């Protein structure tokens, strides 16, 4: 902050002072540095990044590491438990939180297809998950999960990362699943890239009347796969039992760890599109289309299997009749 303030002060002192009595235009750069710093700390990330493009002086203040760190911690409290390792800092140690926000705040592109001329990105050997669960604006769970993604067991098994399993916890008050908000940021320490793996707001809430549990899904659709972040809870007693992330294909089947990592690596390298409430609404619409397409494929498969069964039954009946005719003719 001191360096950026010095640069801004130099830019301001280089200007010619207006003569006494002359009218002079006053801009935002004319505000005191401490006032500017306080104003910038109240901006959201998109506004802060846009303001940094206005002038060289404001760029120095907008790139302040403490400002971006406070912004990231306000959105994702669990990030405090993610050390800015040297491999993670694409923008240097001071730019860790700024690059993290640029990667994880917008939603990833809807497709994970890699152009033929572009080499497929390397698979992450390790995944760091920063998971925050909020209920009505209050953080009720914040965890960092470090997953070894290089083992043969993980690569061959269905992709799954558990932030909360079996032990669960009880929230301070009764839980309304529709009022939950989940943030799941996946970070690849090797490449320093991150991606948002949650729709933040529930795209569906399904209740099991048999067990009394409710599953709130925060799914992000990426082309032919879906990152299915889910929270399983008992809303009657305010008990959250499970928080997990899986990857599903277009047929609703589980994707292997290797294929899931390939989809995540492509999403990390792809451009970002959309942010805020509009992007959350688009995520819900894409999930509805994904579910509709999955149901249509299931119906088509059921009809095809029915036709195959009917043909097999017809062939079997014809063979039986032919056998009876042959016995009769003899």
C-alpha atoms as a PDB file:
ATOM      1  CA  UNK A   1       0.000   0.000   0.000  1.00  0.00           C
ATOM      2  CA  UNK A   2       2.873   2.400   0.795  1.00  0.00           C
ATOM      3  CA  UNK A   3       4.427   1.902  -2.634  1.00  0.00           C
ATOM      4  CA  UNK A   4       1.121   2.427  -4.442  1.00  0.00           C
ATOM      5  CA  UNK A   5       0.421   5.533  -2.355  1.00  0.00           C
ATOM      6  CA  UNK A   6       3.851   6.956  -3.256  1.00  0.00           C
ATOM      7  CA  UNK A   7       3.212   6.381  -6.977  1.00  0.00           C
ATOM      8  CA  UNK A   8      -0.173   8.075  -6.764  1.00  0.00           C
ATOM      9  CA  UNK A   9       1.373  11.019  -4.854  1.00  0.00           C
ATOM     10  CA  UNK A  10       3.991  11.442  -7.580  1.00  0.00           C
ATOM     11  CA  UNK A  11       1.288  11.490 -10.267  1.00  0.00           C
ATOM     12  CA  UNK A  12      -0.632  14.123  -8.342  1.00  0.00           C
ATOM     13  CA  UNK A  13       2.383  16.397  -7.676  1.00  0.00           C
ATOM     14  CA  UNK A  14       3.404  16.329 -11.349  1.00  0.00           C
ATOM     15  CA  UNK A  15       0.304  18.299 -12.298  1.00  0.00           C
ATOM     16  CA  UNK A  16       0.426  22.048 -12.657  1.00  0.00           C
ATOM     17  CA  UNK A  17      -1.426  23.763  -9.831  1.00  0.00           C
ATOM     18  CA  UNK A  18      -4.249  26.009 -11.111  1.00  0.00           C
ATOM     19  CA  UNK A  19      -3.846  29.721 -10.610  1.00  0.00           C
ATOM     20  CA  UNK A  20      -5.700  31.380  -7.782  1.00  0.00           C
ATOM     21  CA  UNK A  21      -9.190  32.263  -8.851  1.00  0.00           C
ATOM     22  CA  UNK A  22      -9.206  29.914 -11.868  1.00  0.00           C
ATOM     23  CA  UNK A  23     -11.774  27.168 -12.031  1.00  0.00           C
ATOM     24  CA  UNK A  24     -10.280  23.691 -11.782  1.00  0.00           C
ATOM     25  CA  UNK A  25     -11.904  20.333 -12.285  1.00  0.00           C
ATOM     26  CA  UNK A  26     -11.745  18.013  -9.291  1.00  0.00           C
ATOM     27  CA  UNK A  27     -11.408  14.294  -9.933  1.00  0.00           C
ATOM     28  CA  UNK A  28     -11.246  11.221  -7.772  1.00  0.00           C
ATOM     29  CA  UNK A  29      -7.443  11.408  -7.850  1.00  0.00           C
ATOM     30  CA  UNK A  30      -7.646  14.657  -5.879  1.00  0.00           C
ATOM     31  CA  UNK A  31      -9.039  12.887  -2.818  1.00  0.00           C
ATOM     32  CA  UNK A  32      -6.626  12.186   0.069  1.00  0.00           C
ATOM     33  CA  UNK A  33      -4.909   8.831  -0.155  1.00  0.00           C
ATOM     34  CA  UNK A  34      -6.378   7.495   3.075  1.00  0.00           C
ATOM     35  CA  UNK A  35      -9.885   8.385   1.872  1.00  0.00           C
ATOM     36  CA  UNK A  36      -9.235   6.672  -1.467  1.00  0.00           C
ATOM     37  CA  UNK A  37      -8.007   3.561   0.320  1.00  0.00           C
ATOM     38  CA  UNK A  38     -11.160   3.385   2.446  1.00  0.00           C
ATOM     39  CA  UNK A  39     -13.369   3.852  -0.626  1.00  0.00           C
ATOM     40  CA  UNK A  40     -11.602   1.083  -2.537  1.00  0.00           C
ATOM     41  CA  UNK A  41     -11.967  -1.328   0.377  1.00  0.00           C
ATOM     42  CA  UNK A  42     -15.763  -0.962   0.154  1.00  0.00           C
ATOM     43  CA  UNK A  43     -15.950  -1.918  -3.531  1.00  0.00           C
ATOM     44  CA  UNK A  44     -16.709  -5.383  -4.837  1.00  0.00           C
ATOM     45  CA  UNK A  45     -14.108  -7.228  -6.858  1.00  0.00           C
ATOM     46  CA  UNK A  46     -15.477  -6.375 -10.311  1.00  0.00           C
ATOM     47  CA  UNK A  47     -15.719  -2.665  -9.492  1.00  0.00           C
ATOM     48  CA  UNK A  48     -12.248  -2.667  -7.955  1.00  0.00           C
ATOM     49  CA  UNK A  49     -10.728  -4.278 -11.045  1.00  0.00           C
ATOM     50  CA  UNK A  50     -12.519  -1.809 -13.338  1.00  0.00           C
ATOM     51  CA  UNK A  51     -11.376   1.156 -11.275  1.00  0.00           C
ATOM     52  CA  UNK A  52      -7.783  -0.011 -11.521  1.00  0.00           C
ATOM     53  CA  UNK A  53      -7.939   0.535 -15.287  1.00  0.00           C
ATOM     54  CA  UNK A  54      -8.872   4.214 -14.937  1.00  0.00           C
ATOM     55  CA  UNK A  55      -5.392   5.601 -14.274  1.00  0.00           C
ATOM     56  CA  UNK A  56      -1.911   4.535 -13.274  1.00  0.00           C
ATOM     57  CA  UNK A  57      -2.341   5.942  -9.775  1.00  0.00           C
ATOM     58  CA  UNK A  58      -5.607   4.140  -9.177  1.00  0.00           C
ATOM     59  CA  UNK A  59      -4.108   0.971 -10.637  1.00  0.00           C
ATOM     60  CA  UNK A  60      -1.517   0.968  -7.869  1.00  0.00           C
ATOM     61  CA  UNK A  61      -4.159   1.343  -5.156  1.00  0.00           C
ATOM     62  CA  UNK A  62      -6.505  -1.205  -6.785  1.00  0.00           C
ATOM     63  CA  UNK A  63      -3.708  -3.794  -6.833  1.00  0.00           C
ATOM     64  CA  UNK A  64      -3.148  -3.573  -3.076  1.00  0.00           C
ATOM     65  CA  UNK A  65      -2.697  -7.095  -1.670  1.00  0.00           C
ATOM     66  CA  UNK A  66      -4.443  -6.370   1.644  1.00  0.00           C
ATOM     67  CA  UNK A  67      -7.530  -5.054  -0.147  1.00  0.00           C
ATOM     68  CA  UNK A  68      -7.862  -8.190  -2.255  1.00  0.00           C
ATOM     69  CA  UNK A  69      -7.176 -10.440   0.701  1.00  0.00           C
ATOM     70  CA  UNK A  70      -9.974  -8.797   2.686  1.00  0.00           C
ATOM     71  CA  UNK A  71     -12.296  -9.099  -0.307  1.00  0.00           C
ATOM     72  CA  UNK A  72     -11.573 -12.830  -0.719  1.00  0.00           C
ATOM     73  CA  UNK A  73     -11.970 -13.534   3.002  1.00  0.00           C
ATOM     74  CA  UNK A  74     -15.316 -11.732   3.022  1.00  0.00           C
ATOM     75  CA  UNK A  75     -16.576 -14.003   0.229  1.00  0.00           C
ATOM     76  CA  UNK A  76     -14.735 -17.196   1.183  1.00  0.00           C
ATOM     77  CA  UNK A  77     -13.697 -17.363   4.867  1.00  0.00           C
ATOM     78  CA  UNK A  78     -12.070 -20.738   4.272  1.00  0.00           C
ATOM     79  CA  UNK A  79      -9.433 -19.092   2.047  1.00  0.00           C
ATOM     80  CA  UNK A  80      -7.695 -18.034   5.269  1.00  0.00           C
ATOM     81  CA  UNK A  81      -6.665 -21.691   5.606  1.00  0.00           C
ATOM     82  CA  UNK A  82      -5.193 -21.870   2.088  1.00  0.00           C
ATOM     83  CA  UNK A  83      -1.515 -20.860   2.282  1.00  0.00           C
ATOM     84  CA  UNK A  84      -0.323 -18.851  -0.754  1.00  0.00           C
ATOM     85  CA  UNK A  85       2.261 -21.410  -1.811  1.00  0.00           C
ATOM     86  CA  UNK A  86       4.896 -20.266  -4.325  1.00  0.00           C
ATOM     87  CA  UNK A  87       3.483 -22.556  -7.016  1.00  0.00           C
ATOM     88  CA  UNK A  88       0.011 -21.085  -6.515  1.00  0.00           C
ATOM     89  CA  UNK A  89       1.037 -17.459  -6.926  1.00  0.00           C
ATOM     90  CA  UNK A  90       0.771 -16.725 -10.634  1.00  0.00           C
ATOM     91  CA  UNK A  91       0.770 -13.016  -9.804  1.00  0.00           C
ATOM     92  CA  UNK A  92       3.469 -13.264  -7.118  1.00  0.00           C
ATOM     93  CA  UNK A  93       2.862 -13.687  -3.407  1.00  0.00           C
ATOM     94  CA  UNK A  94       1.214 -10.252  -3.248  1.00  0.00           C
ATOM     95  CA  UNK A  95      -1.113 -11.096  -6.135  1.00  0.00           C
ATOM     96  CA  UNK A  96      -2.349 -14.467  -4.867  1.00  0.00           C
ATOM     97  CA  UNK A  97      -5.765 -13.262  -3.726  1.00  0.00           C
ATOM     98  CA  UNK A  98      -6.267 -11.024  -6.765  1.00  0.00           C
ATOM     99  CA  UNK A  99      -5.661 -13.888  -9.213  1.00  0.00           C
ATOM    100  CA  UNK A 100      -7.741 -16.227  -7.040  1.00  0.00           C
ATOM    101  CA  UNK A 101     -10.677 -13.825  -7.234  1.00  0.00           C
ATOM    102  CA  UNK A 102     -10.289 -13.458 -11.012  1.00  0.00           C
ATOM    103  CA  UNK A 103     -10.414 -17.253 -11.430  1.00  0.00           C
ATOM    104  CA  UNK A 104     -12.982 -18.291  -8.819  1.00  0.00           C
ATOM    105  CA  UNK A 105     -15.545 -15.481  -8.655  1.00  0.00           C
ATOM    106  CA  UNK A 106     -16.870 -15.668 -12.250  1.00  0.00           C
ATOM    107  CA  UNK A 107     -18.546 -18.830 -13.444  1.00  0.00           C
ATOM    108  CA  UNK A 108     -16.561 -21.078 -15.811  1.00  0.00           C
ATOM    109  CA  UNK A 109     -17.461 -21.370 -19.472  1.00  0.00           C
ATOM    110  CA  UNK A 110     -20.294 -23.773 -20.245  1.00  0.00           C
ATOM    111  CA  UNK A 111     -18.144 -26.053 -22.394  1.00  0.00           C
ATOM    112  CA  UNK A 112     -14.973 -27.920 -21.522  1.00  0.00           C
ATOM    113  CA  UNK A 113     -14.083 -28.884 -25.104  1.00  0.00           C
ATOM    114  CA  UNK A 114     -10.453 -28.226 -25.983  1.00  0.00           C
ATOM    115  CA  UNK A 115      -9.646 -27.030 -29.532  1.00  0.00           C
ATOM    116  CA  UNK A 116      -7.764 -29.558 -31.629  1.00  0.00           C
ATOM    117  CA  UNK A 117      -4.849 -27.173 -32.086  1.00  0.00           C
ATOM    118  CA  UNK A 118      -4.505 -26.683 -28.335  1.00  0.00           C
ATOM    119  CA  UNK A 119      -2.857 -29.321 -26.181  1.00  0.00           C
ATOM    120  CA  UNK A 120      -5.021 -30.654 -23.369  1.00  0.00           C
ATOM    121  CA  UNK A 121      -4.007 -29.197 -19.989  1.00  0.00           C
ATOM    122  CA  UNK A 122      -2.146 -31.433 -17.578  1.00  0.00           C
ATOM    123  CA  UNK A 123      -4.229 -33.213 -14.959  1.00  0.00           C
ATOM    124  CA  UNK A 124      -3.933 -31.778 -11.439  1.00  0.00           C
ATOM    125  CA  UNK A 125      -2.021 -34.050  -9.110  1.00  0.00           C
ATOM    126  CA  UNK A 126      -3.482 -32.341  -6.071  1.00  0.00           C
ATOM    127  CA  UNK A 127      -6.711 -30.452  -5.437  1.00  0.00           C
ATOM    128  CA  UNK A 128      -7.316 -27.942  -2.654  1.00  0.00           C
ATOM    129  CA  UNK A 129     -10.993 -27.265  -1.920  1.00  0.00           C
ATOM    130  CA  UNK A 130     -12.095 -24.127  -0.076  1.00  0.00           C
ATOM    131  CA  UNK A 131     -15.666 -24.831   1.036  1.00  0.00           C
ATOM    132  CA  UNK A 132     -18.006 -22.366   2.768  1.00  0.00           C
ATOM    133  CA  UNK A 133     -21.624 -23.063   3.659  1.00  0.00           C
ATOM    134  CA  UNK A 134     -23.904 -20.157   4.580  1.00  0.00           C
ATOM    135  CA  UNK A 135     -27.461 -20.131   5.869  1.00  0.00           C
ATOM    136  CA  UNK A 136     -29.394 -16.879   5.552  1.00  0.00           C
ATOM    137  CA  UNK A 137     -26.129 -14.984   5.206  1.00  0.00           C
ATOM    138  CA  UNK A 138     -24.443 -16.581   8.238  1.00  0.00           C
ATOM    139  CA  UNK A 139     -21.456 -18.887   7.720  1.00  0.00           C
ATOM    140  CA  UNK A 140     -22.187 -22.222   9.423  1.00  0.00           C
ATOM    141  CA  UNK A 141     -19.298 -24.252   7.952  1.00  0.00           C
ATOM    142  CA  UNK A 142     -15.887 -23.332   6.575  1.00  0.00           C
ATOM    143  CA  UNK A 143     -13.341 -25.968   5.611  1.00  0.00           C
ATOM    144  CA  UNK A 144     -10.249 -26.578   3.487  1.00  0.00           C
ATOM    145  CA  UNK A 145      -9.898 -30.075   2.014  1.00  0.00           C
ATOM    146  CA  UNK A 146      -6.604 -31.240   0.520  1.00  0.00           C
ATOM    147  CA  UNK A 147      -7.102 -34.147  -1.914  1.00  0.00           C
ATOM    148  CA  UNK A 148      -4.388 -36.336  -3.417  1.00  0.00           C
ATOM    149  CA  UNK A 149      -5.577 -36.672  -7.015  1.00  0.00           C
ATOM    150  CA  UNK A 150      -2.555 -38.599  -8.311  1.00  0.00           C
ATOM    151  CA  UNK A 151      -3.243 -41.979  -6.715  1.00  0.00           C
ATOM    152  CA  UNK A 152      -4.465 -44.850  -8.863  1.00  0.00           C
ATOM    153  CA  UNK A 153      -7.395 -45.311  -6.482  1.00  0.00           C
ATOM    154  CA  UNK A 154      -8.644 -41.758  -7.063  1.00  0.00           C
ATOM    155  CA  UNK A 155      -8.095 -41.888 -10.832  1.00  0.00           C
ATOM    156  CA  UNK A 156      -9.936 -45.189 -11.235  1.00  0.00           C
ATOM    157  CA  UNK A 157     -12.818 -44.544  -8.828  1.00  0.00           C
ATOM    158  CA  UNK A 158     -15.813 -42.269  -9.450  1.00  0.00           C
ATOM    159  CA  UNK A 159     -14.822 -38.645  -8.863  1.00  0.00           C
ATOM    160  CA  UNK A 160     -15.826 -37.570  -5.362  1.00  0.00           C
ATOM    161  CA  UNK A 161     -14.512 -35.067  -2.817  1.00  0.00           C
ATOM    162  CA  UNK A 162     -16.058 -34.944   0.659  1.00  0.00           C
ATOM    163  CA  UNK A 163     -15.927 -31.753   2.691  1.00  0.00           C
ATOM    164  CA  UNK A 164     -18.168 -33.241   5.383  1.00  0.00           C
ATOM    165  CA  UNK A 165     -18.928 -36.919   5.835  1.00  0.00           C
ATOM    166  CA  UNK A 166     -20.794 -38.961   8.443  1.00  0.00           C
ATOM    167  CA  UNK A 167     -19.852 -36.898  11.497  1.00  0.00           C
ATOM    168  CA  UNK A 168     -21.918 -33.902  10.343  1.00  0.00           C
ATOM    169  CA  UNK A 169     -22.761 -30.966  12.565  1.00  0.00           C
ATOM    170  CA  UNK A 170     -25.815 -29.263  14.001  1.00  0.00           C
ATOM    171  CA  UNK A 171     -26.539 -25.693  12.964  1.00  0.00           C
ATOM    172  CA  UNK A 172     -27.437 -23.064  15.602  1.00  0.00           C
ATOM    173  CA  UNK A 173     -31.004 -22.835  14.252  1.00  0.00           C
ATOM    174  CA  UNK A 174     -33.419 -24.786  12.098  1.00  0.00           C
ATOM    175  CA  UNK A 175     -32.212 -25.025   8.499  1.00  0.00           C
ATOM    176  CA  UNK A 176     -34.234 -23.996   5.465  1.00  0.00           C
ATOM    177  CA  UNK A 177     -32.482 -25.814   2.566  1.00  0.00           C
ATOM    178  CA  UNK A 178     -33.644 -23.234   0.032  1.00  0.00           C
ATOM    179  CA  UNK A 179     -31.860 -20.533   2.073  1.00  0.00           C
ATOM    180  CA  UNK A 180     -28.495 -22.290   1.938  1.00  0.00           C
ATOM    181  CA  UNK A 181     -25.592 -20.871  -0.065  1.00  0.00           C
ATOM    182  CA  UNK A 182     -22.569 -23.002  -0.913  1.00  0.00           C
ATOM    183  CA  UNK A 183     -19.222 -21.814  -2.216  1.00  0.00           C
ATOM    184  CA  UNK A 184     -16.810 -24.498  -3.438  1.00  0.00           C
ATOM    185  CA  UNK A 185     -13.529 -23.219  -4.900  1.00  0.00           C
ATOM    186  CA  UNK A 186     -11.143 -25.794  -6.391  1.00  0.00           C
ATOM    187  CA  UNK A 187      -7.474 -24.805  -6.588  1.00  0.00           C
ATOM    188  CA  UNK A 188      -4.688 -26.589  -8.453  1.00  0.00           C
ATOM    189  CA  UNK A 189      -1.464 -25.710  -6.583  1.00  0.00           C
ATOM    190  CA  UNK A 190       0.724 -26.860  -9.468  1.00  0.00           C
ATOM    191  CA  UNK A 191      -0.700 -24.447 -12.066  1.00  0.00           C
ATOM    192  CA  UNK A 192      -2.020 -21.814  -9.674  1.00  0.00           C
ATOM    193  CA  UNK A 193      -5.422 -21.889 -11.384  1.00  0.00           C
ATOM    194  CA  UNK A 194      -8.747 -22.071  -9.576  1.00  0.00           C
ATOM    195  CA  UNK A 195     -12.358 -22.606 -10.605  1.00  0.00           C
ATOM    196  CA  UNK A 196     -15.774 -22.144  -9.047  1.00  0.00           C
ATOM    197  CA  UNK A 197     -17.452 -25.554  -8.723  1.00  0.00           C
ATOM    198  CA  UNK A 198     -20.760 -24.451  -7.189  1.00  0.00           C
ATOM    199  CA  UNK A 199     -23.827 -22.545  -8.373  1.00  0.00           C
ATOM    200  CA  UNK A 200     -23.770 -20.783  -4.957  1.00  0.00           C
ATOM    201  CA  UNK A 201     -27.583 -20.891  -4.756  1.00  0.00           C
ATOM    202  CA  UNK A 202     -29.511 -24.200  -4.867  1.00  0.00           C
ATOM    203  CA  UNK A 203     -30.570 -25.277  -8.337  1.00  0.00           C
ATOM    204  CA  UNK A 204     -32.799 -27.990  -6.854  1.00  0.00           C
ATOM    205  CA  UNK A 205     -33.998 -29.101  -3.424  1.00  0.00           C
ATOM    206  CA  UNK A 206     -35.171 -32.731  -3.143  1.00  0.00           C
ATOM    207  CA  UNK A 207     -36.701 -34.203  -0.010  1.00  0.00           C
ATOM    208  CA  UNK A 208     -36.832 -37.900   0.835  1.00  0.00           C
ATOM    209  CA  UNK A 209     -40.009 -38.604   2.727  1.00  0.00           C
ATOM    210  CA  UNK A 210     -38.686 -42.012   3.756  1.00  0.00           C
ATOM    211  CA  UNK A 211     -35.581 -40.783   5.590  1.00  0.00           C
ATOM    212  CA  UNK A 212     -36.660 -37.195   6.246  1.00  0.00           C
ATOM    213  CA  UNK A 213     -33.439 -35.865   4.701  1.00  0.00           C
ATOM    214  CA  UNK A 214     -33.226 -33.082   2.140  1.00  0.00           C
ATOM    215  CA  UNK A 215     -30.584 -32.751  -0.570  1.00  0.00           C
ATOM    216  CA  UNK A 216     -29.825 -29.259  -1.855  1.00  0.00           C
ATOM    217  CA  UNK A 217     -27.870 -29.327  -5.116  1.00  0.00           C
ATOM    218  CA  UNK A 218     -25.496 -26.598  -6.270  1.00  0.00           C
ATOM    219  CA  UNK A 219     -24.683 -27.974  -9.721  1.00  0.00           C
ATOM    220  CA  UNK A 220     -22.578 -26.305 -12.411  1.00  0.00           C
ATOM    221  CA  UNK A 221     -22.982 -27.739 -15.917  1.00  0.00           C
ATOM    222  CA  UNK A 222     -19.838 -27.802 -18.068  1.00  0.00           C
ATOM    223  CA  UNK A 223     -20.741 -29.068 -21.505  1.00  0.00           C
ATOM    224  CA  UNK A 224     -21.168 -32.829 -21.267  1.00  0.00           C
ATOM    225  CA  UNK A 225     -20.493 -33.103 -17.530  1.00  0.00           C
ATOM    226  CA  UNK A 226     -21.924 -31.555 -14.390  1.00  0.00           C
ATOM    227  CA  UNK A 227     -20.077 -30.617 -11.202  1.00  0.00           C
ATOM    228  CA  UNK A 228     -22.625 -31.791  -8.654  1.00  0.00           C
ATOM    229  CA  UNK A 229     -21.999 -30.137  -5.277  1.00  0.00           C
ATOM    230  CA  UNK A 230     -24.632 -31.332  -2.810  1.00  0.00           C
ATOM    231  CA  UNK A 231     -25.573 -30.678   0.820  1.00  0.00           C
ATOM    232  CA  UNK A 232     -27.524 -33.382   2.648  1.00  0.00           C
ATOM    233  CA  UNK A 233     -29.291 -32.193   5.788  1.00  0.00           C
ATOM    234  CA  UNK A 234     -32.189 -32.883   8.123  1.00  0.00           C
ATOM    235  CA  UNK A 235     -34.039 -29.587   8.086  1.00  0.00           C
ATOM    236  CA  UNK A 236     -36.246 -30.636  11.014  1.00  0.00           C
ATOM    237  CA  UNK A 237     -33.358 -30.658  13.486  1.00  0.00           C
ATOM    238  CA  UNK A 238     -30.882 -28.380  11.720  1.00  0.00           C
ATOM    239  CA  UNK A 239     -28.363 -31.200  11.213  1.00  0.00           C
ATOM    240  CA  UNK A 240     -26.054 -31.105   8.178  1.00  0.00           C
ATOM    241  CA  UNK A 241     -24.888 -34.642   7.488  1.00  0.00           C
ATOM    242  CA  UNK A 242     -22.901 -34.465   4.267  1.00  0.00           C
ATOM    243  CA  UNK A 243     -21.281 -31.949   1.907  1.00  0.00           C
ATOM    244  CA  UNK A 244     -19.755 -33.496  -1.203  1.00  0.00           C
ATOM    245  CA  UNK A 245     -18.738 -32.862  -4.807  1.00  0.00           C
ATOM    246  CA  UNK A 246     -19.205 -35.400  -7.613  1.00  0.00           C
ATOM    247  CA  UNK A 247     -19.031 -35.279 -11.405  1.00  0.00           C
ATOM    248  CA  UNK A 248     -21.857 -36.723 -13.534  1.00  0.00           C
ATOM    249  CA  UNK A 249     -22.085 -37.401 -17.251  1.00  0.00           C
ATOM    250  CA  UNK A 250     -25.067 -36.676 -19.512  1.00  0.00           C
ATOM    251  CA  UNK A 251     -26.689 -39.983 -18.558  1.00  0.00           C
ATOM    252  CA  UNK A 252     -26.475 -39.311 -14.827  1.00  0.00           C
ATOM    253  CA  UNK A 253     -23.680 -41.823 -14.286  1.00  0.00           C
ATOM    254  CA  UNK A 254     -20.585 -41.171 -12.236  1.00  0.00           C
ATOM    255  CA  UNK A 255     -17.457 -39.944 -14.006  1.00  0.00           C
ATOM    256  CA  UNK A 256     -14.097 -41.487 -13.130  1.00  0.00           C
ATOM    257  CA  UNK A 257     -11.506 -39.481 -11.261  1.00  0.00           C
ATOM    258  CA  UNK A 258      -9.314 -39.216 -14.361  1.00  0.00           C
ATOM    259  CA  UNK A 259     -12.146 -37.885 -16.549  1.00  0.00           C
ATOM    260  CA  UNK A 260     -13.319 -35.583 -13.774  1.00  0.00           C
ATOM    261  CA  UNK A 261      -9.833 -34.095 -13.425  1.00  0.00           C
ATOM    262  CA  UNK A 262      -9.681 -33.593 -17.202  1.00  0.00           C
ATOM    263  CA  UNK A 263     -12.977 -31.668 -17.084  1.00  0.00           C
ATOM    264  CA  UNK A 264     -11.726 -29.535 -14.177  1.00  0.00           C
ATOM    265  CA  UNK A 265      -8.387 -28.813 -15.874  1.00  0.00           C
ATOM    266  CA  UNK A 266     -10.218 -27.697 -19.029  1.00  0.00           C
ATOM    267  CA  UNK A 267     -12.555 -25.512 -16.956  1.00  0.00           C
ATOM    268  CA  UNK A 268      -9.613 -23.884 -15.172  1.00  0.00           C
ATOM    269  CA  UNK A 269      -7.944 -23.062 -18.483  1.00  0.00           C
ATOM    270  CA  UNK A 270     -11.158 -21.899 -20.183  1.00  0.00           C
ATOM    271  CA  UNK A 271     -12.412 -18.293 -20.132  1.00  0.00           C
ATOM    272  CA  UNK A 272     -14.810 -17.111 -17.436  1.00  0.00           C
ATOM    273  CA  UNK A 273     -18.334 -15.945 -18.167  1.00  0.00           C
ATOM    274  CA  UNK A 274     -20.911 -14.312 -15.952  1.00  0.00           C
ATOM    275  CA  UNK A 275     -20.987 -13.267 -12.341  1.00  0.00           C
ATOM    276  CA  UNK A 276     -23.477 -12.256  -9.701  1.00  0.00           C
ATOM    277  CA  UNK A 277     -27.174 -13.099  -9.508  1.00  0.00           C
ATOM    278  CA  UNK A 278     -27.576 -13.229 -13.295  1.00  0.00           C
ATOM    279  CA  UNK A 279     -24.933 -15.946 -13.585  1.00  0.00           C
ATOM    280  CA  UNK A 280     -26.560 -17.874 -10.735  1.00  0.00           C
ATOM    281  CA  UNK A 281     -29.895 -17.759 -12.594  1.00  0.00           C
ATOM    282  CA  UNK A 282     -28.176 -18.977 -15.769  1.00  0.00           C
ATOM    283  CA  UNK A 283     -26.632 -21.864 -13.812  1.00  0.00           C
ATOM    284  CA  UNK A 284     -30.115 -22.877 -12.640  1.00  0.00           C
ATOM    285  CA  UNK A 285     -31.451 -22.756 -16.218  1.00  0.00           C
ATOM    286  CA  UNK A 286     -28.555 -24.830 -17.542  1.00  0.00           C
ATOM    287  CA  UNK A 287     -29.145 -27.400 -14.805  1.00  0.00           C
ATOM    288  CA  UNK A 288     -32.846 -27.597 -15.725  1.00  0.00           C
ATOM    289  CA  UNK A 289     -31.884 -28.196 -19.366  1.00  0.00           C
ATOM    290  CA  UNK A 290     -29.337 -30.807 -18.263  1.00  0.00           C
ATOM    291  CA  UNK A 291     -31.959 -32.684 -16.222  1.00  0.00           C
ATOM    292  CA  UNK A 292     -34.484 -32.436 -19.061  1.00  0.00           C
ATOM    293  CA  UNK A 293     -31.983 -33.848 -21.538  1.00  0.00           C
ATOM    294  CA  UNK A 294     -31.064 -36.633 -19.118  1.00  0.00           C
ATOM    295  CA  UNK A 295     -34.739 -37.587 -18.707  1.00  0.00           C
ATOM    296  CA  UNK A 296     -35.257 -37.547 -22.487  1.00  0.00           C
ATOM    297  CA  UNK A 297     -32.289 -39.885 -23.000  1.00  0.00           C
ATOM    298  CA  UNK A 298     -33.608 -42.259 -20.340  1.00  0.00           C
ATOM    299  CA  UNK A 299     -37.022 -42.366 -22.034  1.00  0.00           C
ATOM    300  CA  UNK A 300     -35.401 -42.980 -25.428  1.00  0.00           C
ATOM    301  CA  UNK A 301     -33.306 -45.822 -24.000  1.00  0.00           C
ATOM    302  CA  UNK A 302     -36.393 -47.317 -22.342  1.00  0.00           C
ATOM    303  CA  UNK A 303     -38.308 -47.222 -25.640  1.00  0.00           C
ATOM    304  CA  UNK A 304     -35.382 -48.754 -27.506  1.00  0.00           C
ATOM    305  CA  UNK A 305     -35.051 -51.527 -24.948  1.00  0.00           C
ATOM    306  CA  UNK A 306     -38.801 -52.124 -25.195  1.00  0.00           C
ATOM    307  CA  UNK A 307     -38.566 -52.476 -28.974  1.00  0.00           C
ATOM    308  CA  UNK A 308     -35.608 -54.856 -28.638  1.00  0.00           C
ATOM    309  CA  UNK A 309     -37.537 -56.960 -26.104  1.00  0.00           C
ATOM    310  CA  UNK A 310     -40.567 -57.014 -28.420  1.00  0.00           C
ATOM    311  CA  UNK A 311     -38.434 -58.128 -31.378  1.00  0.00           C
ATOM    312  CA  UNK A 312     -36.781 -60.834 -29.300  1.00  0.00           C
ATOM    313  CA  UNK A 313     -40.170 -62.038 -28.094  1.00  0.00           C
ATOM    314  CA  UNK A 314     -41.455 -62.094 -31.696  1.00  0.00           C
ATOM    315  CA  UNK A 315     -38.447 -64.061 -32.910  1.00  0.00           C
ATOM    316  CA  UNK A 316     -38.819 -66.502 -30.032  1.00  0.00           C
ATOM    317  CA  UNK A 317     -42.544 -66.953 -30.707  1.00  0.00           C
ATOM    318  CA  UNK A 318     -41.918 -67.491 -34.436  1.00  0.00           C
ATOM    319  CA  UNK A 319     -39.245 -70.092 -33.673  1.00  0.00           C
ATOM    320  CA  UNK A 320     -41.592 -71.894 -31.278  1.00  0.00           C
ATOM    321  CA  UNK A 321     -44.428 -71.911 -33.826  1.00  0.00           C
ATOM    322  CA  UNK A 322     -42.062 -73.149 -36.502  1.00  0.00           C
ATOM    323  CA  UNK A 323     -40.920 -75.938 -34.192  1.00  0.00           C
ATOM    324  CA  UNK A 324     -44.543 -76.968 -33.551  1.00  0.00           C
ATOM    325  CA  UNK A 325     -45.324 -76.947 -37.286  1.00  0.00           C
ATOM    326  CA  UNK A 326     -42.281 -79.092 -37.957  1.00  0.00           C
ATOM    327  CA  UNK A 327     -43.368 -81.618 -35.341  1.00  0.00           C
ATOM    328  CA  UNK A 328     -46.892 -81.686 -36.752  1.00  0.00           C
ATOM    329  CA  UNK A 329     -45.758 -82.249 -40.328  1.00  0.00           C
ATOM    330  CA  UNK A 330     -43.631 -85.183 -39.312  1.00  0.00           C
END
